[in-house]
Amino acid sequence: MTHQQGASALQRYIGVSIALTVLFVVGEAAAGYLSNSLALLSDAGHNFADALALIFSWYAVRAAQWPADAKRTYGYHRIGILAAVVNAVSLVLIALFIFWEAVHRLLSPVPVEGGLMIGMALTAVLLNGLISFWLHGEGKHDLNVRSASLHMLGDALSAVGVVIAGVIVSVTRQSIADPAVSLLIGILILWSSWGILTEAIGVLMEAVPKGLELPQVVQAIHQVPGILDVHHLHVWTVASGIVACSLHIRVSQQTVLDAQRIQQAVAEMLEEGFHISHSTIQIEVEECGASGHHCDMPSTPG
């Protein structure tokens, strides 16, 4: 399957997921209103955020296929990172709203219909679990899709909490279980969004990609025969699966052909060893004469 075919298949999966999620949100919100359950209404709000997350993800997958142009030389890949940020921020806002409502319900408990809670929550577990499974594989390579997958997985787990709350309410008639579980759902939402938000912001700040250690890159470059020094080294993520770097290497005086062979060896090593697919390498045969802290990078890690 080609990359374009894979993207088209992913778009179809996300499109079906959006339709199913929107239909379920309407039903769950109605059930939450009829049963007077904050947990169900909270879960419906989470599912609504899931629908928005899936819409953003669908658009980002589509936009990533648009070709680069004279103004956007890297193309539109970073739309996926922006979608991940929007998804994470929306989760935080929903969690804060749930906390507010849950505290109010704890102070002023209201009667809740447990049976309806259980039925709708079980449906939510099945639906969100299925969608998360659909997106899980592609989410390993795409931060945008991973944020949507975590949305769905988090909602499946929170729906399990609603089932438990419904059972407690039905057996004990203690409606306090409903806002108590809502607080747990809010905490789960915050936890699931934090990792995505920090990673996405790191990409936008052009930080070194997660899991990549810069001293190891410097050390590996020095092991390429002919390298005397390396400086002006920058490594950043353009978008999910696209890591770029720029650097200066110093070599001894030699023919242009030999210097180009060293340059090519460094580029191949960066791609094979660190999955850096886009590297810009400048060759120097003299000491770095530029001023600034970038030229002061140590030649060896430590």
Protein backbone atom coordinates (compact mmCIF):
# COMPACT_ATOMS: atom_id res chain seq x y z
CA MET A 1 0.00 0.00 0.00
CA THR A 2 1.40 3.41 -0.99
CA HIS A 3 1.57 6.36 1.44
CA GLN A 4 -1.31 8.08 -0.40
CA GLN A 5 -3.46 4.94 -0.27
CA GLY A 6 -2.72 4.58 3.44
CA ALA A 7 -3.73 8.20 4.05
CA SER A 8 -6.96 7.70 2.09
CA ALA A 9 -7.81 4.59 4.12
CA LEU A 10 -7.08 6.47 7.34
CA GLN A 11 -9.37 9.31 6.21
CA ARG A 12 -12.19 6.80 5.65
CA TYR A 13 -11.69 5.29 9.11
CA ILE A 14 -11.74 8.73 10.70
CA GLY A 15 -14.80 9.77 8.67
CA VAL A 16 -16.81 6.75 9.84
CA SER A 17 -15.61 7.38 13.40
CA ILE A 18 -16.82 10.99 13.24
CA ALA A 19 -20.30 9.95 12.11
CA LEU A 20 -20.64 7.28 14.81
CA THR A 21 -19.34 9.60 17.53
CA VAL A 22 -21.69 12.48 16.64
CA LEU A 23 -24.71 10.16 16.67
CA PHE A 24 -23.68 8.75 20.01
CA VAL A 25 -23.11 12.21 21.54
CA VAL A 26 -26.71 13.16 20.77
CA GLY A 27 -28.01 9.97 22.36
CA GLU A 28 -25.76 10.14 25.43
CA ALA A 29 -26.53 13.81 26.08
CA ALA A 30 -30.25 13.03 25.93
CA ALA A 31 -29.79 10.07 28.28
CA GLY A 32 -27.74 12.20 30.68
CA TYR A 33 -30.46 14.83 30.75
CA LEU A 34 -33.25 12.29 31.30
CA SER A 35 -31.35 10.41 34.01
CA ASN A 36 -30.03 13.60 35.65
CA SER A 37 -26.52 12.10 35.51
CA LEU A 38 -23.55 14.46 35.52
CA ALA A 39 -21.27 11.52 34.74
CA LEU A 40 -23.20 10.80 31.54
CA LEU A 41 -23.32 14.48 30.58
CA SER A 42 -19.57 14.76 31.31
CA ASP A 43 -18.94 11.72 29.15
CA ALA A 44 -21.12 13.23 26.41
CA GLY A 45 -19.02 16.40 26.58
CA HIS A 46 -15.87 14.29 26.35
CA ASN A 47 -17.33 12.48 23.35
CA PHE A 48 -18.20 15.81 21.74
CA ALA A 49 -14.55 16.82 22.16
CA ASP A 50 -13.65 13.47 20.60
CA ALA A 51 -15.77 14.32 17.58
CA LEU A 52 -14.01 17.67 17.23
CA ALA A 53 -10.65 15.95 17.66
CA LEU A 54 -11.52 13.49 14.91
CA ILE A 55 -12.62 16.30 12.60
CA PHE A 56 -9.33 18.15 13.17
CA SER A 57 -7.42 14.91 12.62
CA TRP A 58 -9.31 14.15 9.41
CA TYR A 59 -8.52 17.61 8.07
CA ALA A 60 -4.86 17.35 9.11
CA VAL A 61 -4.42 13.97 7.36
CA ARG A 62 -5.97 15.47 4.22
CA ALA A 63 -3.87 18.65 4.40
CA ALA A 64 -0.64 16.69 4.88
CA GLN A 65 -1.09 15.35 1.33
CA TRP A 66 -1.10 18.83 -0.20
CA PRO A 67 2.15 19.54 -2.06
CA ALA A 68 4.74 22.06 -0.89
CA ASP A 69 4.76 25.45 -2.60
CA ALA A 70 6.92 28.57 -2.81
CA LYS A 71 5.59 29.91 0.50
CA ARG A 72 5.36 26.62 2.44
CA THR A 73 8.45 24.68 1.41
CA TYR A 74 7.77 21.91 3.95
CA GLY A 75 4.18 21.57 2.79
CA TYR A 76 1.27 21.43 5.22
CA HIS A 77 2.48 18.68 7.54
CA ARG A 78 2.43 20.90 10.64
CA ILE A 79 -1.34 21.25 10.45
CA GLY A 80 -1.36 17.89 12.22
CA ILE A 81 0.69 19.35 15.08
CA LEU A 82 -1.69 22.30 15.37
CA ALA A 83 -4.61 19.85 15.46
CA ALA A 84 -2.91 17.96 18.29
CA VAL A 85 -2.55 21.20 20.28
CA VAL A 86 -6.22 22.11 19.74
CA ASN A 87 -7.28 18.60 20.78
CA ALA A 88 -5.21 18.72 23.97
CA VAL A 89 -6.38 22.21 24.96
CA SER A 90 -10.01 21.26 24.38
CA LEU A 91 -9.58 18.31 26.74
CA VAL A 92 -8.18 20.58 29.45
CA LEU A 93 -11.15 22.97 29.16
CA ILE A 94 -13.63 20.10 29.34
CA ALA A 95 -11.88 18.70 32.42
CA LEU A 96 -12.11 22.08 34.19
CA PHE A 97 -15.83 22.29 33.41
CA ILE A 98 -16.36 18.77 34.77
CA PHE A 99 -14.52 19.67 38.00
CA TRP A 100 -16.73 22.74 38.46
CA GLU A 101 -19.96 20.81 37.96
CA ALA A 102 -18.83 17.83 40.06
CA VAL A 103 -17.99 20.01 43.07
CA HIS A 104 -21.41 21.66 42.78
CA ARG A 105 -23.10 18.23 42.71
CA LEU A 106 -21.07 17.04 45.71
CA LEU A 107 -22.27 20.03 47.72
CA SER A 108 -25.86 19.67 46.50
CA PRO A 109 -26.56 16.01 45.53
CA VAL A 110 -29.46 15.27 43.18
CA PRO A 111 -31.19 11.93 42.44
CA VAL A 112 -29.78 9.95 39.51
CA GLU A 113 -31.23 7.13 37.34
CA GLY A 114 -28.59 4.37 37.47
CA GLY A 115 -30.03 1.98 34.90
CA LEU A 116 -29.91 4.43 32.01
CA MET A 117 -26.36 5.41 33.02
CA ILE A 118 -25.20 1.80 32.77
CA GLY A 119 -26.77 1.16 29.37
CA MET A 120 -25.38 4.28 27.68
CA ALA A 121 -21.96 3.92 29.30
CA LEU A 122 -21.58 0.32 28.09
CA THR A 123 -22.37 1.52 24.57
CA ALA A 124 -19.72 4.24 24.97
CA VAL A 125 -17.12 1.66 26.05
CA LEU A 126 -17.73 -0.43 22.93
CA LEU A 127 -17.86 2.50 20.49
CA ASN A 128 -14.83 4.39 21.77
CA GLY A 129 -12.80 1.23 22.25
CA LEU A 130 -13.46 0.23 18.63
CA ILE A 131 -12.49 3.65 17.24
CA SER A 132 -9.34 3.79 19.39
CA PHE A 133 -8.37 0.35 18.04
CA TRP A 134 -8.86 1.58 14.46
CA LEU A 135 -6.55 4.54 15.01
CA HIS A 136 -3.97 2.91 17.27
CA GLY A 137 -1.67 1.54 14.57
CA GLU A 138 -1.31 4.79 12.64
CA GLY A 139 -1.02 6.72 15.91
CA LYS A 140 2.41 5.19 16.53
CA HIS A 141 3.79 7.33 13.70
CA ASP A 142 1.56 10.41 13.76
CA LEU A 143 1.14 12.73 16.76
CA ASN A 144 -2.11 14.11 15.36
CA VAL A 145 -3.72 10.66 15.00
CA ARG A 146 -2.28 9.59 18.37
CA SER A 147 -3.98 12.56 20.06
CA ALA A 148 -7.31 11.49 18.54
CA SER A 149 -6.72 7.86 19.51
CA LEU A 150 -5.98 8.89 23.10
CA HIS A 151 -9.17 10.95 23.10
CA MET A 152 -11.15 7.83 22.25
CA LEU A 153 -9.27 5.50 24.61
CA GLY A 154 -9.64 7.99 27.47
CA ASP A 155 -13.36 8.20 26.83
CA ALA A 156 -13.70 4.42 26.77
CA LEU A 157 -12.00 4.24 30.17
CA SER A 158 -14.09 7.10 31.56
CA ALA A 159 -17.23 5.30 30.35
CA VAL A 160 -16.13 2.30 32.42
CA GLY A 161 -16.16 4.67 35.39
CA VAL A 162 -19.70 5.73 34.51
CA VAL A 163 -20.77 2.07 34.45
CA ILE A 164 -19.30 1.60 37.93
CA ALA A 165 -21.05 4.76 39.16
CA GLY A 166 -24.34 3.53 37.66
CA VAL A 167 -24.00 0.20 39.47
CA ILE A 168 -23.28 1.95 42.77
CA VAL A 169 -26.24 4.30 42.33
CA SER A 170 -28.56 1.41 41.42
CA VAL A 171 -27.48 -0.78 44.35
CA THR A 172 -26.97 1.79 47.13
CA ARG A 173 -29.15 4.69 45.92
CA GLN A 174 -26.20 6.96 46.80
CA SER A 175 -26.15 9.56 44.01
CA ILE A 176 -22.86 10.98 45.31
CA ALA A 177 -21.12 8.27 43.26
CA ASP A 178 -22.09 10.17 40.10
CA PRO A 179 -20.09 13.40 40.74
CA ALA A 180 -17.31 11.40 42.41
CA VAL A 181 -16.76 9.42 39.23
CA SER A 182 -17.01 12.64 37.23
CA LEU A 183 -14.02 14.00 39.18
CA LEU A 184 -12.06 10.86 38.30
CA ILE A 185 -13.03 11.30 34.64
CA GLY A 186 -11.73 14.89 34.74
CA ILE A 187 -8.41 13.75 36.21
CA LEU A 188 -8.13 11.06 33.52
CA ILE A 189 -8.82 13.63 30.80
CA LEU A 190 -6.09 15.95 32.13
CA TRP A 191 -3.60 13.09 32.36
CA SER A 192 -4.28 11.87 28.81
CA SER A 193 -3.95 15.38 27.34
CA TRP A 194 -0.72 16.43 29.09
CA GLY A 195 1.69 14.23 27.14
CA ILE A 196 0.20 15.20 23.77
CA LEU A 197 0.22 18.91 24.65
CA THR A 198 3.85 18.97 25.81
CA GLU A 199 5.05 16.97 22.81
CA ALA A 200 3.16 19.18 20.34
CA ILE A 201 4.48 22.37 21.94
CA GLY A 202 7.98 20.90 21.77
CA VAL A 203 7.56 20.45 18.03
CA LEU A 204 6.32 24.02 17.58
CA MET A 205 9.27 25.29 19.66
CA GLU A 206 11.60 23.25 17.41
CA ALA A 207 12.98 21.32 20.37
CA VAL A 208 15.10 18.19 19.93
CA PRO A 209 12.68 15.32 19.14
CA LYS A 210 11.52 13.19 22.05
CA GLY A 211 13.80 10.18 22.56
CA LEU A 212 16.74 11.65 20.64
CA GLU A 213 19.86 12.60 22.63
CA LEU A 214 21.95 15.34 21.02
CA PRO A 215 25.29 14.21 22.58
CA GLN A 216 24.80 10.81 20.92
CA VAL A 217 24.33 12.51 17.55
CA VAL A 218 27.52 14.53 18.05
CA GLN A 219 29.42 11.40 19.05
CA ALA A 220 28.14 9.47 16.02
CA ILE A 221 29.15 12.27 13.65
CA HIS A 222 32.68 12.27 15.07
CA GLN A 223 32.95 8.57 14.29
CA VAL A 224 32.59 9.24 10.56
CA PRO A 225 36.13 9.07 9.07
CA GLY A 226 37.50 12.48 8.11
CA ILE A 227 35.48 14.59 10.59
CA LEU A 228 37.62 16.98 12.67
CA ASP A 229 34.85 18.93 14.39
CA VAL A 230 31.09 19.57 14.37
CA HIS A 231 29.25 22.70 15.40
CA HIS A 232 26.10 24.72 14.59
CA LEU A 233 24.17 21.47 15.11
CA HIS A 234 20.39 21.87 15.26
CA VAL A 235 17.85 19.03 15.25
CA TRP A 236 14.07 19.54 15.19
CA THR A 237 10.82 17.91 14.15
CA VAL A 238 8.99 19.36 11.15
CA ALA A 239 5.97 17.10 11.71
CA SER A 240 5.29 13.54 12.82
CA GLY A 241 7.82 11.27 11.13
CA ILE A 242 9.79 14.16 9.58
CA VAL A 243 12.95 15.07 11.51
CA ALA A 244 15.39 17.63 10.12
CA CYS A 245 18.80 18.93 11.12
CA SER A 246 21.46 21.39 10.04
CA LEU A 247 25.13 21.35 10.99
CA HIS A 248 28.64 22.43 10.07
CA ILE A 249 31.44 19.89 9.85
CA ARG A 250 35.16 20.72 9.70
CA VAL A 251 37.48 18.58 7.63
CA SER A 252 41.13 18.74 6.64
CA GLN A 253 42.12 20.26 3.31
CA GLN A 254 41.29 17.77 0.55
CA THR A 255 39.61 17.50 -2.80
CA VAL A 256 36.00 18.57 -3.23
CA LEU A 257 35.06 15.00 -4.18
CA ASP A 258 36.49 13.58 -0.94
CA ALA A 259 34.70 16.25 1.11
CA GLN A 260 31.41 15.43 -0.61
CA ARG A 261 31.91 11.75 0.21
CA ILE A 262 32.26 12.66 3.88
CA GLN A 263 29.16 14.83 3.64
CA GLN A 264 27.19 11.97 2.10
CA ALA A 265 28.42 9.54 4.77
CA VAL A 266 27.21 11.87 7.52
CA ALA A 267 23.79 12.27 5.87
CA GLU A 268 23.37 8.50 5.51
CA MET A 269 24.46 7.90 9.11
CA LEU A 270 21.96 10.48 10.42
CA GLU A 271 19.09 8.87 8.50
CA GLU A 272 19.97 5.26 9.36
CA GLY A 273 20.99 5.85 12.96
CA PHE A 274 18.61 8.60 14.07
CA HIS A 275 15.83 8.67 11.42
CA ILE A 276 16.79 12.23 10.45
CA SER A 277 15.45 12.29 6.90
CA HIS A 278 16.28 15.89 5.99
CA SER A 279 19.79 17.13 6.75
CA THR A 280 21.63 20.26 5.62
CA ILE A 281 25.39 19.86 6.02
CA GLN A 282 27.92 22.61 5.45
CA ILE A 283 31.60 21.69 5.04
CA GLU A 284 34.35 23.90 6.45
CA VAL A 285 38.11 23.57 6.23
CA GLU A 286 38.95 26.29 8.75
CA GLU A 287 38.07 27.11 12.35
CA CYS A 288 34.58 28.47 12.94
CA GLY A 289 34.94 32.22 12.89
CA ALA A 290 31.38 33.16 13.72
CA SER A 291 30.52 34.59 17.11
CA GLY A 292 27.77 33.31 19.39
CA HIS A 293 27.05 30.36 21.66
CA HIS A 294 26.28 27.97 18.79
CA CYS A 295 29.97 27.71 17.92
CA ASP A 296 30.84 26.85 21.48
CA MET A 297 29.17 23.43 21.40
CA PRO A 298 31.61 20.81 22.82
CA SER A 299 33.09 18.41 20.31
CA THR A 300 32.34 15.40 22.50
CA PRO A 301 29.33 14.73 24.72
CA GLY A 302 29.61 15.19 28.43
